[in-house]
Protein backbone atom coordinates (compact mmCIF):
# COMPACT_ATOMS: atom_id res chain seq x y z
CA UNK A 1 39.50 -69.94 26.19
CA UNK A 2 38.33 -67.10 28.66
CA UNK A 3 35.72 -68.05 31.17
CA UNK A 4 32.27 -66.93 30.24
CA UNK A 5 30.99 -63.99 32.33
CA UNK A 6 27.57 -64.17 33.99
CA UNK A 7 25.60 -61.02 34.52
CA UNK A 8 23.78 -60.71 37.84
CA UNK A 9 20.36 -59.39 37.83
CA UNK A 10 19.69 -56.84 40.58
CA UNK A 11 16.79 -57.85 42.74
CA UNK A 12 14.47 -54.88 43.21
CA UNK A 13 13.17 -54.09 46.59
CA UNK A 14 9.54 -53.32 47.39
CA UNK A 15 10.76 -49.74 48.16
CA UNK A 16 12.40 -49.37 44.60
CA UNK A 17 9.23 -50.88 43.05
CA UNK A 18 7.02 -48.25 44.65
CA UNK A 19 9.28 -45.44 43.58
CA UNK A 20 9.27 -46.95 39.93
CA UNK A 21 5.47 -47.12 39.96
CA UNK A 22 5.36 -43.50 41.17
CA UNK A 23 7.85 -42.34 38.56
CA UNK A 24 5.58 -43.93 35.82
CA UNK A 25 2.53 -42.44 37.01
CA UNK A 26 4.41 -38.88 37.29
CA UNK A 27 5.64 -39.40 33.82
CA UNK A 28 2.22 -40.17 32.55
CA UNK A 29 0.54 -37.46 34.43
CA UNK A 30 3.16 -34.90 33.06
CA UNK A 31 2.65 -36.00 29.58
CA UNK A 32 -0.98 -35.53 29.94
CA UNK A 33 -0.76 -32.17 31.42
CA UNK A 34 2.34 -30.54 29.77
CA UNK A 35 2.13 -30.38 26.06
CA UNK A 36 5.84 -29.55 25.67
CA UNK A 37 6.87 -32.48 27.74
CA UNK A 38 4.54 -34.62 25.43
CA UNK A 39 6.23 -33.31 22.33
CA UNK A 40 9.70 -34.14 23.63
CA UNK A 41 8.46 -37.73 24.63
CA UNK A 42 7.18 -38.05 20.95
CA UNK A 43 10.55 -36.71 19.57
CA UNK A 44 12.97 -38.38 21.71
CA UNK A 45 11.70 -40.32 24.51
CA UNK A 46 14.79 -41.49 25.92
CA UNK A 47 16.10 -37.93 26.60
CA UNK A 48 12.74 -36.73 27.91
CA UNK A 49 12.74 -39.41 30.50
CA UNK A 50 16.49 -38.95 31.52
CA UNK A 51 15.53 -36.96 34.70
CA UNK A 52 13.56 -39.99 35.89
CA UNK A 53 16.59 -41.79 36.91
CA UNK A 54 14.72 -44.02 39.25
CA UNK A 55 13.04 -45.85 36.34
CA UNK A 56 14.49 -49.29 35.67
CA UNK A 57 15.45 -50.26 32.28
CA UNK A 58 12.34 -52.29 31.86
CA UNK A 59 10.08 -49.43 33.05
CA UNK A 60 11.99 -47.23 30.67
CA UNK A 61 11.48 -49.40 27.66
CA UNK A 62 7.78 -49.92 28.57
CA UNK A 63 7.25 -45.98 28.59
CA UNK A 64 9.49 -45.53 25.43
CA UNK A 65 7.61 -48.21 23.44
CA UNK A 66 4.08 -47.32 24.77
CA UNK A 67 3.72 -50.84 26.14
CA UNK A 68 0.35 -50.41 27.94
CA UNK A 69 -0.03 -54.07 28.83
CA UNK A 70 3.10 -54.11 30.77
CA UNK A 71 2.47 -50.77 32.45
CA UNK A 72 -0.99 -51.88 33.46
CA UNK A 73 0.35 -55.10 34.74
CA UNK A 74 2.43 -53.14 37.30
CA UNK A 75 -0.01 -50.29 37.92
CA UNK A 76 -3.57 -51.75 37.22
CA UNK A 77 -5.91 -50.21 34.75
CA UNK A 78 -4.98 -46.73 33.68
CA UNK A 79 -7.45 -43.95 33.55
CA UNK A 80 -7.82 -41.94 30.11
CA UNK A 81 -5.53 -39.15 31.42
CA UNK A 82 -2.61 -41.41 32.34
CA UNK A 83 -3.00 -43.30 29.17
CA UNK A 84 -2.60 -40.10 26.90
CA UNK A 85 0.91 -40.84 26.24
CA UNK A 86 0.82 -44.32 25.68
CA UNK A 87 -2.00 -43.96 23.06
CA UNK A 88 0.01 -41.20 21.35
CA UNK A 89 3.11 -43.33 21.21
CA UNK A 90 1.15 -46.26 19.84
CA UNK A 91 -0.40 -43.98 17.02
CA UNK A 92 3.03 -42.97 16.00
CA UNK A 93 4.70 -44.50 12.96
CA UNK A 94 8.19 -44.12 14.58
CA UNK A 95 9.60 -47.47 15.60
């Protein structure tokens, strides 16, 4: 019997967490201001977010799914502009 492998979880440094927060805000601001990017997010969010390489898997998943609660737990209460994409995502019937 082969030994079980244990996946190590990478510890995120404060600098990486700040970059992730900045990237999340950049995505949300771009979605609010750029209708083509918003459409790309709606059609294929994983592809649209591919240039935001500094996002962790958890941050990417929260953006893709429109998890407002998770994102606000990281960033604090979002203003209406920054919440645009998240409300659009939640109103879609694609899951």
